[in-house]
Amino acid sequence: MYETEAKIRVNGSREAVVTWFTSIGFQYVDSCYEEDVYYTHPCRDFAETDEALRFRYRRCSSGDAYILTYKGPRVNEGFIKTRLELETRLEESQVKSVLRMLEMLGFTGKFVVRKNRVTLRNGGLTVSVDEVEDLGVFVEVEGKGIEPLLREVALTPWFGGFVGKTYLELMLEKSKV
């Protein structure tokens, strides 16, 4: 399945952003802590191919989840990203053996991104308000036809600009400084 999303840097608090989205009709879905481990492979440079293999541990008010995700290369340019995303949910009892399989195939969990996320929805649009460790507060808007909402967001006092990079790319960029 292809996902289309845009990321926005926030100048302000996560709470102010959540309040703004609920004021325009978005409904609260869940609050989660997420820890994303990104994998590398010695025979394939995912940075070069614009791909990602990620294992996510999600601890939410609604329960825990374990998700293995492949993200394909972006199919467009700019800050609105469209890319193939394949996900599989794992039972807790499967996690150790699946991660061991990845290790046996040469994959190494190399980079970790931690964040606290509030998820909201309105129709076919999903908004994630993220406080990302060492990076700050961001909003991710996902769904079809996100452009009108992005125009509204650009007029808010907390709008800090559109970001065309992933959290992993931002973390790697920051670590080079």
C-alpha atoms as a PDB file:
ATOM      1  CA  MET A   1       0.000   0.000   0.000  1.00  0.00           C
ATOM      2  CA  TYR A   2       1.269   3.474  -0.805  1.00  0.00           C
ATOM      3  CA  GLU A   3       1.282   6.141   1.885  1.00  0.00           C
ATOM      4  CA  THR A   4       1.206   9.871   1.270  1.00  0.00           C
ATOM      5  CA  GLU A   5       2.345  12.117   4.092  1.00  0.00           C
ATOM      6  CA  ALA A   6       3.802  15.498   4.934  1.00  0.00           C
ATOM      7  CA  LYS A   7       5.863  16.485   7.952  1.00  0.00           C
ATOM      8  CA  ILE A   8       5.732  19.900   9.632  1.00  0.00           C
ATOM      9  CA  ARG A   9       8.154  21.326  12.183  1.00  0.00           C
ATOM     10  CA  VAL A  10       6.332  22.842  15.167  1.00  0.00           C
ATOM     11  CA  ASN A  11       7.274  26.096  16.869  1.00  0.00           C
ATOM     12  CA  GLY A  12       5.444  25.584  20.134  1.00  0.00           C
ATOM     13  CA  SER A  13       4.020  22.898  22.346  1.00  0.00           C
ATOM     14  CA  ARG A  14       2.548  19.564  21.376  1.00  0.00           C
ATOM     15  CA  GLU A  15      -0.530  20.379  23.473  1.00  0.00           C
ATOM     16  CA  ALA A  16      -1.240  23.583  21.506  1.00  0.00           C
ATOM     17  CA  VAL A  17      -1.090  21.642  18.242  1.00  0.00           C
ATOM     18  CA  VAL A  18      -3.426  18.901  19.507  1.00  0.00           C
ATOM     19  CA  THR A  19      -5.858  21.585  20.704  1.00  0.00           C
ATOM     20  CA  TRP A  20      -5.803  23.274  17.278  1.00  0.00           C
ATOM     21  CA  PHE A  21      -6.524  20.033  15.409  1.00  0.00           C
ATOM     22  CA  THR A  22      -9.397  19.105  17.739  1.00  0.00           C
ATOM     23  CA  SER A  23     -10.839  22.609  17.258  1.00  0.00           C
ATOM     24  CA  ILE A  24     -11.151  21.962  13.503  1.00  0.00           C
ATOM     25  CA  GLY A  25     -12.880  18.597  13.896  1.00  0.00           C
ATOM     26  CA  PHE A  26     -10.148  16.012  14.431  1.00  0.00           C
ATOM     27  CA  GLN A  27     -10.912  13.299  16.983  1.00  0.00           C
ATOM     28  CA  TYR A  28      -8.417  11.923  19.491  1.00  0.00           C
ATOM     29  CA  VAL A  29      -7.452   8.300  18.735  1.00  0.00           C
ATOM     30  CA  ASP A  30      -4.568   7.349  21.026  1.00  0.00           C
ATOM     31  CA  SER A  31      -1.378   8.413  22.832  1.00  0.00           C
ATOM     32  CA  CYS A  32       1.723   6.267  22.390  1.00  0.00           C
ATOM     33  CA  TYR A  33       5.400   5.957  23.112  1.00  0.00           C
ATOM     34  CA  GLU A  34       7.183   4.577  20.044  1.00  0.00           C
ATOM     35  CA  GLU A  35      10.680   3.218  19.707  1.00  0.00           C
ATOM     36  CA  ASP A  36      11.767   2.660  16.109  1.00  0.00           C
ATOM     37  CA  VAL A  37      14.835   0.567  15.315  1.00  0.00           C
ATOM     38  CA  TYR A  38      16.113   1.040  11.748  1.00  0.00           C
ATOM     39  CA  TYR A  39      18.065  -1.787  10.176  1.00  0.00           C
ATOM     40  CA  THR A  40      21.049  -1.766   7.852  1.00  0.00           C
ATOM     41  CA  HIS A  41      22.403  -4.547   5.656  1.00  0.00           C
ATOM     42  CA  PRO A  42      26.012  -5.010   4.457  1.00  0.00           C
ATOM     43  CA  CYS A  43      24.923  -5.696   0.861  1.00  0.00           C
ATOM     44  CA  ARG A  44      22.396  -2.883   0.495  1.00  0.00           C
ATOM     45  CA  ASP A  45      22.724   0.793   1.395  1.00  0.00           C
ATOM     46  CA  PHE A  46      19.200   1.866   2.313  1.00  0.00           C
ATOM     47  CA  ALA A  47      20.248   5.531   2.387  1.00  0.00           C
ATOM     48  CA  GLU A  48      21.354   5.213  -1.239  1.00  0.00           C
ATOM     49  CA  THR A  49      18.219   3.319  -2.342  1.00  0.00           C
ATOM     50  CA  ASP A  50      15.899   5.553  -0.245  1.00  0.00           C
ATOM     51  CA  GLU A  51      14.434   2.529   1.542  1.00  0.00           C
ATOM     52  CA  ALA A  52      13.967   1.650   5.196  1.00  0.00           C
ATOM     53  CA  LEU A  53      13.421  -1.472   7.256  1.00  0.00           C
ATOM     54  CA  ARG A  54      12.048  -0.608  10.677  1.00  0.00           C
ATOM     55  CA  PHE A  55      10.957  -2.502  13.769  1.00  0.00           C
ATOM     56  CA  ARG A  56       8.596  -0.463  15.945  1.00  0.00           C
ATOM     57  CA  TYR A  57       7.667  -1.118  19.543  1.00  0.00           C
ATOM     58  CA  ARG A  58       4.548   0.883  20.389  1.00  0.00           C
ATOM     59  CA  ARG A  59       3.228   1.304  23.926  1.00  0.00           C
ATOM     60  CA  CYS A  60      -0.163   3.018  23.828  1.00  0.00           C
ATOM     61  CA  SER A  61      -3.023   3.753  26.175  1.00  0.00           C
ATOM     62  CA  SER A  62      -4.926   1.156  24.088  1.00  0.00           C
ATOM     63  CA  GLY A  63      -2.201  -1.533  24.390  1.00  0.00           C
ATOM     64  CA  ASP A  64       1.199  -2.569  23.035  1.00  0.00           C
ATOM     65  CA  ALA A  65       2.072  -3.348  19.415  1.00  0.00           C
ATOM     66  CA  TYR A  66       5.083  -4.715  17.531  1.00  0.00           C
ATOM     67  CA  ILE A  67       5.313  -3.777  13.847  1.00  0.00           C
ATOM     68  CA  LEU A  68       7.880  -4.615  11.165  1.00  0.00           C
ATOM     69  CA  THR A  69       7.761  -2.132   8.273  1.00  0.00           C
ATOM     70  CA  TYR A  70       9.430  -1.858   4.877  1.00  0.00           C
ATOM     71  CA  LYS A  71       9.357   1.593   3.261  1.00  0.00           C
ATOM     72  CA  GLY A  72      10.190   1.805  -0.420  1.00  0.00           C
ATOM     73  CA  PRO A  73      11.807   4.711  -2.252  1.00  0.00           C
ATOM     74  CA  ARG A  74       9.869   7.947  -2.598  1.00  0.00           C
ATOM     75  CA  VAL A  75       8.003   8.166  -5.874  1.00  0.00           C
ATOM     76  CA  ASN A  76       7.851  11.971  -5.890  1.00  0.00           C
ATOM     77  CA  GLU A  77       9.903  15.021  -4.956  1.00  0.00           C
ATOM     78  CA  GLY A  78       9.145  17.699  -2.393  1.00  0.00           C
ATOM     79  CA  PHE A  79       7.849  17.754   1.145  1.00  0.00           C
ATOM     80  CA  ILE A  80       4.785  15.595   0.410  1.00  0.00           C
ATOM     81  CA  LYS A  81       6.171  12.061   0.322  1.00  0.00           C
ATOM     82  CA  THR A  82       4.535   9.105  -1.393  1.00  0.00           C
ATOM     83  CA  ARG A  83       6.127   5.696  -0.986  1.00  0.00           C
ATOM     84  CA  LEU A  84       5.322   2.016  -0.762  1.00  0.00           C
ATOM     85  CA  GLU A  85       4.799   0.896   2.825  1.00  0.00           C
ATOM     86  CA  LEU A  86       4.450  -2.764   3.798  1.00  0.00           C
ATOM     87  CA  GLU A  87       3.698  -3.542   7.425  1.00  0.00           C
ATOM     88  CA  THR A  88       3.203  -6.686   9.419  1.00  0.00           C
ATOM     89  CA  ARG A  89       2.055  -6.774  13.015  1.00  0.00           C
ATOM     90  CA  LEU A  90       3.764  -9.273  15.256  1.00  0.00           C
ATOM     91  CA  GLU A  91       2.522 -10.981  18.383  1.00  0.00           C
ATOM     92  CA  GLU A  92       4.805 -10.468  21.359  1.00  0.00           C
ATOM     93  CA  SER A  93       5.677 -14.177  21.209  1.00  0.00           C
ATOM     94  CA  GLN A  94       6.974 -13.734  17.619  1.00  0.00           C
ATOM     95  CA  VAL A  95       9.238 -10.730  18.172  1.00  0.00           C
ATOM     96  CA  LYS A  96      12.402 -12.514  19.339  1.00  0.00           C
ATOM     97  CA  SER A  97      12.378 -15.074  16.520  1.00  0.00           C
ATOM     98  CA  VAL A  98      11.642 -12.484  13.802  1.00  0.00           C
ATOM     99  CA  LEU A  99      14.426 -10.187  15.034  1.00  0.00           C
ATOM    100  CA  ARG A 100      16.755 -13.195  15.206  1.00  0.00           C
ATOM    101  CA  MET A 101      15.869 -14.052  11.580  1.00  0.00           C
ATOM    102  CA  LEU A 102      16.795 -10.516  10.516  1.00  0.00           C
ATOM    103  CA  GLU A 103      20.105 -10.846  12.353  1.00  0.00           C
ATOM    104  CA  MET A 104      20.809 -14.233  10.727  1.00  0.00           C
ATOM    105  CA  LEU A 105      20.176 -12.642   7.307  1.00  0.00           C
ATOM    106  CA  GLY A 106      22.787  -9.959   8.020  1.00  0.00           C
ATOM    107  CA  PHE A 107      20.546  -7.101   9.143  1.00  0.00           C
ATOM    108  CA  THR A 108      21.758  -4.952  12.023  1.00  0.00           C
ATOM    109  CA  GLY A 109      19.587  -2.698  14.173  1.00  0.00           C
ATOM    110  CA  LYS A 110      21.706   0.422  13.928  1.00  0.00           C
ATOM    111  CA  PHE A 111      19.630   3.553  14.500  1.00  0.00           C
ATOM    112  CA  VAL A 112      16.914   4.240  17.082  1.00  0.00           C
ATOM    113  CA  VAL A 113      14.286   7.003  17.006  1.00  0.00           C
ATOM    114  CA  ARG A 114      12.142   7.517  20.125  1.00  0.00           C
ATOM    115  CA  LYS A 115       9.023   9.612  20.250  1.00  0.00           C
ATOM    116  CA  ASN A 116       5.798  10.319  22.090  1.00  0.00           C
ATOM    117  CA  ARG A 117       2.884  10.451  19.651  1.00  0.00           C
ATOM    118  CA  VAL A 118      -0.704  11.656  19.830  1.00  0.00           C
ATOM    119  CA  THR A 119      -2.846  10.392  16.943  1.00  0.00           C
ATOM    120  CA  LEU A 120      -5.980  12.164  15.690  1.00  0.00           C
ATOM    121  CA  ARG A 121      -8.327  11.440  12.774  1.00  0.00           C
ATOM    122  CA  ASN A 122     -10.882  13.245  10.667  1.00  0.00           C
ATOM    123  CA  GLY A 123     -12.405  11.274   7.801  1.00  0.00           C
ATOM    124  CA  GLY A 124      -9.595   9.794   5.724  1.00  0.00           C
ATOM    125  CA  LEU A 125      -6.893  12.004   7.252  1.00  0.00           C
ATOM    126  CA  THR A 126      -4.630  10.957  10.110  1.00  0.00           C
ATOM    127  CA  VAL A 127      -2.560  13.451  12.079  1.00  0.00           C
ATOM    128  CA  SER A 128       0.298  12.415  14.355  1.00  0.00           C
ATOM    129  CA  VAL A 129       1.675  15.012  16.742  1.00  0.00           C
ATOM    130  CA  ASP A 130       5.143  13.784  17.688  1.00  0.00           C
ATOM    131  CA  GLU A 131       7.630  14.843  20.318  1.00  0.00           C
ATOM    132  CA  VAL A 132      10.812  13.252  18.965  1.00  0.00           C
ATOM    133  CA  GLU A 133      13.759  12.731  21.294  1.00  0.00           C
ATOM    134  CA  ASP A 134      16.614  15.124  20.413  1.00  0.00           C
ATOM    135  CA  LEU A 135      14.661  16.667  17.492  1.00  0.00           C
ATOM    136  CA  GLY A 136      11.619  18.464  18.912  1.00  0.00           C
ATOM    137  CA  VAL A 137       7.933  18.580  18.011  1.00  0.00           C
ATOM    138  CA  PHE A 138       6.563  17.680  14.580  1.00  0.00           C
ATOM    139  CA  VAL A 139       3.244  16.948  12.912  1.00  0.00           C
ATOM    140  CA  GLU A 140       2.764  14.240  10.303  1.00  0.00           C
ATOM    141  CA  VAL A 141      -0.339  14.478   8.119  1.00  0.00           C
ATOM    142  CA  GLU A 142      -1.221  11.315   6.228  1.00  0.00           C
ATOM    143  CA  GLY A 143      -3.944  10.439   3.720  1.00  0.00           C
ATOM    144  CA  LYS A 144      -5.301  11.300   0.310  1.00  0.00           C
ATOM    145  CA  GLY A 145      -6.054  14.937  -0.434  1.00  0.00           C
ATOM    146  CA  ILE A 146      -3.929  16.431   2.353  1.00  0.00           C
ATOM    147  CA  GLU A 147      -3.147  19.670   0.500  1.00  0.00           C
ATOM    148  CA  PRO A 148      -6.120  21.768   1.783  1.00  0.00           C
ATOM    149  CA  LEU A 149      -5.262  20.876   5.387  1.00  0.00           C
ATOM    150  CA  LEU A 150      -1.591  21.699   4.785  1.00  0.00           C
ATOM    151  CA  ARG A 151      -2.594  25.159   3.521  1.00  0.00           C
ATOM    152  CA  GLU A 152      -4.521  25.725   6.773  1.00  0.00           C
ATOM    153  CA  VAL A 153      -1.632  24.448   8.896  1.00  0.00           C
ATOM    154  CA  ALA A 154       0.780  26.856   7.167  1.00  0.00           C
ATOM    155  CA  LEU A 155      -1.269  29.761   8.562  1.00  0.00           C
ATOM    156  CA  THR A 156      -1.101  28.670  12.203  1.00  0.00           C
ATOM    157  CA  PRO A 157       1.139  30.448  14.723  1.00  0.00           C
ATOM    158  CA  TRP A 158       2.945  27.169  15.515  1.00  0.00           C
ATOM    159  CA  PHE A 159       3.864  26.373  11.884  1.00  0.00           C
ATOM    160  CA  GLY A 160       7.657  25.998  11.649  1.00  0.00           C
ATOM    161  CA  GLY A 161       7.939  24.900   8.030  1.00  0.00           C
ATOM    162  CA  PHE A 162       7.483  21.777   5.953  1.00  0.00           C
ATOM    163  CA  VAL A 163      10.131  19.065   6.284  1.00  0.00           C
ATOM    164  CA  GLY A 164      10.895  16.709   3.398  1.00  0.00           C
ATOM    165  CA  LYS A 165      13.103  14.371   5.446  1.00  0.00           C
ATOM    166  CA  THR A 166      12.340  11.391   7.645  1.00  0.00           C
ATOM    167  CA  TYR A 167      13.045  11.413  11.376  1.00  0.00           C
ATOM    168  CA  LEU A 168      15.952   9.070  10.723  1.00  0.00           C
ATOM    169  CA  GLU A 169      17.422  11.450   8.123  1.00  0.00           C
ATOM    170  CA  LEU A 170      17.031  14.367  10.554  1.00  0.00           C
ATOM    171  CA  MET A 171      18.739  12.373  13.333  1.00  0.00           C
ATOM    172  CA  LEU A 172      21.640  11.395  11.079  1.00  0.00           C
ATOM    173  CA  GLU A 173      21.978  15.003   9.882  1.00  0.00           C
ATOM    174  CA  LYS A 174      22.029  16.265  13.464  1.00  0.00           C
ATOM    175  CA  SER A 175      24.660  13.714  14.506  1.00  0.00           C
ATOM    176  CA  LYS A 176      27.021  15.003  11.770  1.00  0.00           C
ATOM    177  CA  VAL A 177      27.005  18.511  13.245  1.00  0.00           C
END
